[in-house]
C-alpha atoms as a PDB file:
ATOM      1  CA  UNK A   1      26.244 -56.314-180.974  1.00  0.00           C
ATOM      2  CA  UNK A   2      23.746 -56.890-183.785  1.00  0.00           C
ATOM      3  CA  UNK A   3      24.872 -56.904-187.373  1.00  0.00           C
ATOM      4  CA  UNK A   4      24.229 -53.858-189.478  1.00  0.00           C
ATOM      5  CA  UNK A   5      24.893 -52.318-192.848  1.00  0.00           C
ATOM      6  CA  UNK A   6      26.531 -48.928-192.643  1.00  0.00           C
ATOM      7  CA  UNK A   7      25.465 -46.458-195.349  1.00  0.00           C
ATOM      8  CA  UNK A   8      28.440 -44.300-196.252  1.00  0.00           C
ATOM      9  CA  UNK A   9      26.671 -41.490-198.097  1.00  0.00           C
ATOM     10  CA  UNK A  10      25.294 -41.079-201.651  1.00  0.00           C
ATOM     11  CA  UNK A  11      28.687 -41.383-203.338  1.00  0.00           C
ATOM     12  CA  UNK A  12      30.080 -44.137-201.132  1.00  0.00           C
ATOM     13  CA  UNK A  13      29.509 -47.807-200.569  1.00  0.00           C
ATOM     14  CA  UNK A  14      27.677 -49.888-198.030  1.00  0.00           C
ATOM     15  CA  UNK A  15      29.879 -51.819-195.659  1.00  0.00           C
ATOM     16  CA  UNK A  16      28.775 -55.002-193.911  1.00  0.00           C
ATOM     17  CA  UNK A  17      29.686 -54.863-190.220  1.00  0.00           C
ATOM     18  CA  UNK A  18      28.769 -57.937-188.210  1.00  0.00           C
ATOM     19  CA  UNK A  19      30.929 -57.269-185.160  1.00  0.00           C
ATOM     20  CA  UNK A  20      32.629 -53.907-184.518  1.00  0.00           C
ATOM     21  CA  UNK A  21      35.404 -55.683-182.613  1.00  0.00           C
ATOM     22  CA  UNK A  22      36.535 -57.304-185.878  1.00  0.00           C
ATOM     23  CA  UNK A  23      36.864 -53.976-187.722  1.00  0.00           C
ATOM     24  CA  UNK A  24      40.328 -52.454-187.457  1.00  0.00           C
ATOM     25  CA  UNK A  25      41.616 -49.027-188.441  1.00  0.00           C
ATOM     26  CA  UNK A  26      44.736 -50.573-189.958  1.00  0.00           C
ATOM     27  CA  UNK A  27      45.468 -53.452-192.319  1.00  0.00           C
ATOM     28  CA  UNK A  28      44.909 -56.813-190.596  1.00  0.00           C
ATOM     29  CA  UNK A  29      46.585 -60.073-191.570  1.00  0.00           C
ATOM     30  CA  UNK A  30      44.809 -63.263-190.559  1.00  0.00           C
ATOM     31  CA  UNK A  31      46.426 -66.694-190.721  1.00  0.00           C
ATOM     32  CA  UNK A  32      43.953 -69.340-191.850  1.00  0.00           C
ATOM     33  CA  UNK A  33      44.634 -72.996-191.092  1.00  0.00           C
ATOM     34  CA  UNK A  34      42.311 -75.477-192.783  1.00  0.00           C
ATOM     35  CA  UNK A  35      41.857 -77.849-189.888  1.00  0.00           C
ATOM     36  CA  UNK A  36      39.625 -78.128-186.845  1.00  0.00           C
ATOM     37  CA  UNK A  37      39.992 -78.104-183.070  1.00  0.00           C
ATOM     38  CA  UNK A  38      37.394 -80.861-182.922  1.00  0.00           C
ATOM     39  CA  UNK A  39      38.434 -84.448-183.641  1.00  0.00           C
ATOM     40  CA  UNK A  40      37.289 -85.912-186.967  1.00  0.00           C
ATOM     41  CA  UNK A  41      36.058 -82.568-188.354  1.00  0.00           C
ATOM     42  CA  UNK A  42      37.254 -80.647-191.391  1.00  0.00           C
ATOM     43  CA  UNK A  43      36.994 -76.965-190.532  1.00  0.00           C
ATOM     44  CA  UNK A  44      39.053 -73.805-190.108  1.00  0.00           C
ATOM     45  CA  UNK A  45      41.093 -72.147-187.399  1.00  0.00           C
ATOM     46  CA  UNK A  46      41.848 -68.473-187.969  1.00  0.00           C
ATOM     47  CA  UNK A  47      44.485 -66.584-185.981  1.00  0.00           C
ATOM     48  CA  UNK A  48      45.028 -62.828-185.704  1.00  0.00           C
ATOM     49  CA  UNK A  49      48.362 -61.049-186.094  1.00  0.00           C
ATOM     50  CA  UNK A  50      49.271 -61.715-182.443  1.00  0.00           C
ATOM     51  CA  UNK A  51      48.691 -65.463-182.783  1.00  0.00           C
ATOM     52  CA  UNK A  52      45.406 -65.575-180.892  1.00  0.00           C
ATOM     53  CA  UNK A  53      42.491 -67.617-182.188  1.00  0.00           C
ATOM     54  CA  UNK A  54      39.938 -65.273-183.779  1.00  0.00           C
ATOM     55  CA  UNK A  55      37.530 -67.508-185.727  1.00  0.00           C
ATOM     56  CA  UNK A  56      36.782 -71.200-186.079  1.00  0.00           C
ATOM     57  CA  UNK A  57      34.653 -73.554-188.121  1.00  0.00           C
ATOM     58  CA  UNK A  58      34.412 -77.090-186.772  1.00  0.00           C
ATOM     59  CA  UNK A  59      30.781 -78.104-187.060  1.00  0.00           C
ATOM     60  CA  UNK A  60      30.984 -80.158-190.248  1.00  0.00           C
ATOM     61  CA  UNK A  61      32.889 -83.208-191.415  1.00  0.00           C
ATOM     62  CA  UNK A  62      34.659 -83.763-194.734  1.00  0.00           C
ATOM     63  CA  UNK A  63      32.889 -82.915-197.970  1.00  0.00           C
ATOM     64  CA  UNK A  64      30.357 -80.259-198.888  1.00  0.00           C
ATOM     65  CA  UNK A  65      27.391 -79.326-196.743  1.00  0.00           C
ATOM     66  CA  UNK A  66      24.213 -77.301-197.026  1.00  0.00           C
ATOM     67  CA  UNK A  67      24.940 -75.285-193.874  1.00  0.00           C
ATOM     68  CA  UNK A  68      28.130 -74.059-192.213  1.00  0.00           C
ATOM     69  CA  UNK A  69      28.546 -71.905-189.091  1.00  0.00           C
ATOM     70  CA  UNK A  70      31.377 -69.416-188.523  1.00  0.00           C
ATOM     71  CA  UNK A  71      32.168 -68.928-184.820  1.00  0.00           C
ATOM     72  CA  UNK A  72      34.437 -66.743-182.748  1.00  0.00           C
ATOM     73  CA  UNK A  73      37.223 -68.192-180.591  1.00  0.00           C
ATOM     74  CA  UNK A  74      34.866 -69.099-177.733  1.00  0.00           C
ATOM     75  CA  UNK A  75      32.362 -70.914-179.959  1.00  0.00           C
ATOM     76  CA  UNK A  76      29.725 -68.173-180.290  1.00  0.00           C
ATOM     77  CA  UNK A  77      27.976 -68.228-183.664  1.00  0.00           C
ATOM     78  CA  UNK A  78      28.714 -65.210-185.862  1.00  0.00           C
ATOM     79  CA  UNK A  79      27.361 -66.273-189.253  1.00  0.00           C
ATOM     80  CA  UNK A  80      25.213 -69.147-190.459  1.00  0.00           C
ATOM     81  CA  UNK A  81      25.720 -69.829-194.167  1.00  0.00           C
ATOM     82  CA  UNK A  82      23.220 -71.925-196.093  1.00  0.00           C
ATOM     83  CA  UNK A  83      23.311 -73.205-199.650  1.00  0.00           C
ATOM     84  CA  UNK A  84      20.247 -72.363-201.717  1.00  0.00           C
ATOM     85  CA  UNK A  85      18.926 -75.452-203.451  1.00  0.00           C
ATOM     86  CA  UNK A  86      17.354 -75.702-206.909  1.00  0.00           C
ATOM     87  CA  UNK A  87      19.176 -72.658-208.264  1.00  0.00           C
ATOM     88  CA  UNK A  88      20.887 -72.078-211.604  1.00  0.00           C
ATOM     89  CA  UNK A  89      23.755 -70.652-209.576  1.00  0.00           C
ATOM     90  CA  UNK A  90      25.886 -72.030-206.806  1.00  0.00           C
ATOM     91  CA  UNK A  91      24.329 -69.681-204.270  1.00  0.00           C
ATOM     92  CA  UNK A  92      24.859 -69.251-200.531  1.00  0.00           C
ATOM     93  CA  UNK A  93      22.977 -67.019-198.094  1.00  0.00           C
ATOM     94  CA  UNK A  94      24.693 -65.679-194.948  1.00  0.00           C
ATOM     95  CA  UNK A  95      22.584 -64.970-191.858  1.00  0.00           C
ATOM     96  CA  UNK A  96      23.361 -63.381-188.496  1.00  0.00           C
ATOM     97  CA  UNK A  97      24.404 -65.799-185.752  1.00  0.00           C
ATOM     98  CA  UNK A  98      22.137 -68.896-185.613  1.00  0.00           C
ATOM     99  CA  UNK A  99      19.485 -67.439-187.955  1.00  0.00           C
ATOM    100  CA  UNK A 100      16.122 -66.782-186.384  1.00  0.00           C
ATOM    101  CA  UNK A 101      12.824 -67.456-188.161  1.00  0.00           C
ATOM    102  CA  UNK A 102      12.020 -64.890-190.825  1.00  0.00           C
ATOM    103  CA  UNK A 103      15.506 -63.392-190.795  1.00  0.00           C
ATOM    104  CA  UNK A 104      16.659 -62.088-194.169  1.00  0.00           C
ATOM    105  CA  UNK A 105      20.209 -62.778-195.381  1.00  0.00           C
ATOM    106  CA  UNK A 106      22.910 -60.237-194.634  1.00  0.00           C
ATOM    107  CA  UNK A 107      24.585 -61.018-197.930  1.00  0.00           C
ATOM    108  CA  UNK A 108      24.333 -63.501-200.780  1.00  0.00           C
ATOM    109  CA  UNK A 109      27.238 -65.131-202.619  1.00  0.00           C
ATOM    110  CA  UNK A 110      26.693 -66.374-206.170  1.00  0.00           C
ATOM    111  CA  UNK A 111      28.880 -68.323-208.543  1.00  0.00           C
ATOM    112  CA  UNK A 112      27.622 -68.987-212.065  1.00  0.00           C
ATOM    113  CA  UNK A 113      28.770 -72.077-213.970  1.00  0.00           C
ATOM    114  CA  UNK A 114      27.358 -70.753-217.244  1.00  0.00           C
ATOM    115  CA  UNK A 115      29.759 -67.920-218.023  1.00  0.00           C
ATOM    116  CA  UNK A 116      33.496 -68.687-217.918  1.00  0.00           C
ATOM    117  CA  UNK A 117      35.135 -65.654-216.325  1.00  0.00           C
ATOM    118  CA  UNK A 118      37.927 -64.633-214.007  1.00  0.00           C
ATOM    119  CA  UNK A 119      35.262 -63.727-211.449  1.00  0.00           C
ATOM    120  CA  UNK A 120      34.954 -66.476-208.848  1.00  0.00           C
ATOM    121  CA  UNK A 121      31.824 -65.141-207.189  1.00  0.00           C
ATOM    122  CA  UNK A 122      29.596 -62.104-206.838  1.00  0.00           C
ATOM    123  CA  UNK A 123      28.354 -60.784-203.492  1.00  0.00           C
ATOM    124  CA  UNK A 124      25.106 -58.902-202.965  1.00  0.00           C
ATOM    125  CA  UNK A 125      24.358 -57.096-199.708  1.00  0.00           C
ATOM    126  CA  UNK A 126      20.755 -57.795-198.729  1.00  0.00           C
ATOM    127  CA  UNK A 127      18.412 -58.361-201.670  1.00  0.00           C
ATOM    128  CA  UNK A 128      19.628 -59.466-205.103  1.00  0.00           C
ATOM    129  CA  UNK A 129      16.481 -58.676-207.089  1.00  0.00           C
ATOM    130  CA  UNK A 130      16.741 -54.921-206.539  1.00  0.00           C
ATOM    131  CA  UNK A 131      20.309 -54.636-207.836  1.00  0.00           C
ATOM    132  CA  UNK A 132      21.754 -54.636-211.340  1.00  0.00           C
ATOM    133  CA  UNK A 133      25.345 -55.071-210.196  1.00  0.00           C
ATOM    134  CA  UNK A 134      26.982 -56.868-207.248  1.00  0.00           C
ATOM    135  CA  UNK A 135      28.281 -54.943-204.254  1.00  0.00           C
ATOM    136  CA  UNK A 136      31.465 -57.031-204.177  1.00  0.00           C
ATOM    137  CA  UNK A 137      33.146 -59.630-206.325  1.00  0.00           C
ATOM    138  CA  UNK A 138      35.976 -62.114-205.932  1.00  0.00           C
ATOM    139  CA  UNK A 139      38.588 -62.744-208.610  1.00  0.00           C
ATOM    140  CA  UNK A 140      41.490 -65.166-208.870  1.00  0.00           C
ATOM    141  CA  UNK A 141      41.979 -68.790-207.873  1.00  0.00           C
ATOM    142  CA  UNK A 142      40.749 -70.082-204.533  1.00  0.00           C
ATOM    143  CA  UNK A 143      42.315 -73.489-205.199  1.00  0.00           C
ATOM    144  CA  UNK A 144      45.719 -71.803-205.530  1.00  0.00           C
ATOM    145  CA  UNK A 145      45.019 -69.599-202.503  1.00  0.00           C
ATOM    146  CA  UNK A 146      45.417 -66.482-204.638  1.00  0.00           C
ATOM    147  CA  UNK A 147      42.332 -64.317-204.949  1.00  0.00           C
ATOM    148  CA  UNK A 148      41.112 -60.797-204.223  1.00  0.00           C
ATOM    149  CA  UNK A 149      37.834 -59.342-202.961  1.00  0.00           C
ATOM    150  CA  UNK A 150      36.862 -56.034-204.634  1.00  0.00           C
ATOM    151  CA  UNK A 151      34.064 -53.617-203.872  1.00  0.00           C
ATOM    152  CA  UNK A 152      31.974 -52.112-206.672  1.00  0.00           C
ATOM    153  CA  UNK A 153      34.493 -49.280-207.117  1.00  0.00           C
ATOM    154  CA  UNK A 154      37.275 -51.817-207.691  1.00  0.00           C
ATOM    155  CA  UNK A 155      38.933 -51.019-204.382  1.00  0.00           C
ATOM    156  CA  UNK A 156      40.558 -53.989-202.675  1.00  0.00           C
ATOM    157  CA  UNK A 157      38.690 -55.282-199.624  1.00  0.00           C
ATOM    158  CA  UNK A 158      40.832 -58.335-198.863  1.00  0.00           C
ATOM    159  CA  UNK A 159      43.480 -60.549-200.466  1.00  0.00           C
ATOM    160  CA  UNK A 160      44.223 -64.234-200.061  1.00  0.00           C
ATOM    161  CA  UNK A 161      47.855 -65.325-200.372  1.00  0.00           C
ATOM    162  CA  UNK A 162      49.945 -68.394-199.621  1.00  0.00           C
ATOM    163  CA  UNK A 163      51.530 -68.131-196.200  1.00  0.00           C
ATOM    164  CA  UNK A 164      55.254 -67.339-196.281  1.00  0.00           C
ATOM    165  CA  UNK A 165      57.374 -68.125-193.236  1.00  0.00           C
ATOM    166  CA  UNK A 166      60.542 -66.820-194.901  1.00  0.00           C
ATOM    167  CA  UNK A 167      61.692 -65.494-198.259  1.00  0.00           C
ATOM    168  CA  UNK A 168      62.446 -69.070-199.325  1.00  0.00           C
ATOM    169  CA  UNK A 169      59.660 -71.064-197.660  1.00  0.00           C
ATOM    170  CA  UNK A 170      55.976 -70.929-198.618  1.00  0.00           C
ATOM    171  CA  UNK A 171      53.525 -73.203-196.830  1.00  0.00           C
ATOM    172  CA  UNK A 172      51.036 -75.494-198.572  1.00  0.00           C
ATOM    173  CA  UNK A 173      47.428 -74.712-199.396  1.00  0.00           C
ATOM    174  CA  UNK A 174      46.111 -75.693-195.965  1.00  0.00           C
ATOM    175  CA  UNK A 175      47.722 -72.594-194.429  1.00  0.00           C
ATOM    176  CA  UNK A 176      47.240 -69.188-196.036  1.00  0.00           C
ATOM    177  CA  UNK A 177      46.932 -65.487-195.224  1.00  0.00           C
ATOM    178  CA  UNK A 178      43.917 -63.183-195.497  1.00  0.00           C
ATOM    179  CA  UNK A 179      44.911 -59.522-195.649  1.00  0.00           C
ATOM    180  CA  UNK A 180      41.916 -57.363-194.723  1.00  0.00           C
ATOM    181  CA  UNK A 181      41.882 -53.637-195.483  1.00  0.00           C
ATOM    182  CA  UNK A 182      40.966 -51.050-192.791  1.00  0.00           C
ATOM    183  CA  UNK A 183      37.284 -50.616-191.989  1.00  0.00           C
ATOM    184  CA  UNK A 184      36.146 -53.989-193.307  1.00  0.00           C
ATOM    185  CA  UNK A 185      34.779 -56.619-190.969  1.00  0.00           C
ATOM    186  CA  UNK A 186      37.012 -59.674-190.796  1.00  0.00           C
ATOM    187  CA  UNK A 187      33.890 -61.744-190.045  1.00  0.00           C
ATOM    188  CA  UNK A 188      32.447 -60.806-193.436  1.00  0.00           C
ATOM    189  CA  UNK A 189      35.714 -61.711-195.176  1.00  0.00           C
ATOM    190  CA  UNK A 190      35.996 -65.056-193.400  1.00  0.00           C
ATOM    191  CA  UNK A 191      32.381 -65.818-194.301  1.00  0.00           C
ATOM    192  CA  UNK A 192      33.371 -65.416-197.956  1.00  0.00           C
ATOM    193  CA  UNK A 193      36.349 -67.758-197.469  1.00  0.00           C
ATOM    194  CA  UNK A 194      34.191 -70.479-195.909  1.00  0.00           C
ATOM    195  CA  UNK A 195      31.593 -70.197-198.686  1.00  0.00           C
ATOM    196  CA  UNK A 196      34.264 -70.390-201.412  1.00  0.00           C
ATOM    197  CA  UNK A 197      35.618 -73.521-199.753  1.00  0.00           C
ATOM    198  CA  UNK A 198      32.165 -75.108-199.783  1.00  0.00           C
ATOM    199  CA  UNK A 199      31.566 -74.116-203.412  1.00  0.00           C
ATOM    200  CA  UNK A 200      34.890 -75.737-204.327  1.00  0.00           C
ATOM    201  CA  UNK A 201      33.955 -78.920-202.429  1.00  0.00           C
ATOM    202  CA  UNK A 202      30.623 -79.043-204.251  1.00  0.00           C
ATOM    203  CA  UNK A 203      32.282 -78.618-207.650  1.00  0.00           C
ATOM    204  CA  UNK A 204      34.767 -81.395-206.913  1.00  0.00           C
ATOM    205  CA  UNK A 205      31.898 -83.637-205.839  1.00  0.00           C
ATOM    206  CA  UNK A 206      29.997 -82.898-209.059  1.00  0.00           C
ATOM    207  CA  UNK A 207      33.062 -83.549-211.225  1.00  0.00           C
ATOM    208  CA  UNK A 208      33.737 -86.845-209.468  1.00  0.00           C
ATOM    209  CA  UNK A 209      30.183 -88.020-210.094  1.00  0.00           C
ATOM    210  CA  UNK A 210      30.351 -86.895-213.721  1.00  0.00           C
ATOM    211  CA  UNK A 211      33.554 -88.804-214.425  1.00  0.00           C
ATOM    212  CA  UNK A 212      32.292 -91.939-212.715  1.00  0.00           C
ATOM    213  CA  UNK A 213      29.192 -92.268-214.851  1.00  0.00           C
ATOM    214  CA  UNK A 214      29.034 -94.695-217.770  1.00  0.00           C
ATOM    215  CA  UNK A 215      27.884 -93.323-221.116  1.00  0.00           C
ATOM    216  CA  UNK A 216      26.211 -95.792-223.484  1.00  0.00           C
ATOM    217  CA  UNK A 217      26.000 -94.991-227.197  1.00  0.00           C
ATOM    218  CA  UNK A 218      23.595 -96.913-229.456  1.00  0.00           C
ATOM    219  CA  UNK A 219      25.113 -97.733-232.833  1.00  0.00           C
ATOM    220  CA  UNK A 220      23.516 -98.936-236.122  1.00  0.00           C
ATOM    221  CA  UNK A 221      22.418-102.583-236.106  1.00  0.00           C
ATOM    222  CA  UNK A 222      24.499-103.632-239.109  1.00  0.00           C
ATOM    223  CA  UNK A 223      27.718-103.086-237.114  1.00  0.00           C
ATOM    224  CA  UNK A 224      29.301-106.118-235.423  1.00  0.00           C
ATOM    225  CA  UNK A 225      28.462-104.637-232.049  1.00  0.00           C
ATOM    226  CA  UNK A 226      25.304-102.938-230.874  1.00  0.00           C
ATOM    227  CA  UNK A 227      26.586-100.521-228.252  1.00  0.00           C
ATOM    228  CA  UNK A 228      29.752 -98.918-227.011  1.00  0.00           C
ATOM    229  CA  UNK A 229      30.310 -98.131-223.347  1.00  0.00           C
ATOM    230  CA  UNK A 230      32.543 -95.212-222.433  1.00  0.00           C
ATOM    231  CA  UNK A 231      33.603 -94.049-219.015  1.00  0.00           C
ATOM    232  CA  UNK A 232      35.350 -95.197-215.881  1.00  0.00           C
END
């Protein structure tokens, strides 16, 4: 079934629905495992509440990439997510399935490095230029597996939490839960998770390069030394 955006009336919000089969009438808890079914890949396996595989990402190796594909359990492409280059933001565009020529993005995820804020990212459905405010935003800490997706009315869309197997045991960051509210497409939510993971990988890559550079400072000639090298 093709993706669509459901208008909910003049006083309500638009809701991204990529696959009706991933929209439930009740709260859905997904278990996300940051690993891959394919050898030597660094992806995701996502299981539904009955333990069946629902989504997977296994088409990229370690590190950050410019394109990532979210698939269903049988390997059919659901979303293709591409990083926009030469932007003042960390910006990703999500397209339906394998993205055909001329296809416009279903939604756009932006993270600004300029303004320190509790907001991790802002999500725009369709075009960004025509909107003054985002349709959704994500707050919290993705690194700590504790963040929340809100719509523009501040209603919770989905929550990320560390996976608990008992009251005393909480699993590490490679296994976590995504709790999706009724009526929201789990494909859309998992697309946000994959993009946040790629943004985090990109930031770690940038920080590593920054710390590895050597900074040379020129000093006045009358000093016993001419330059000082700082860095690692």
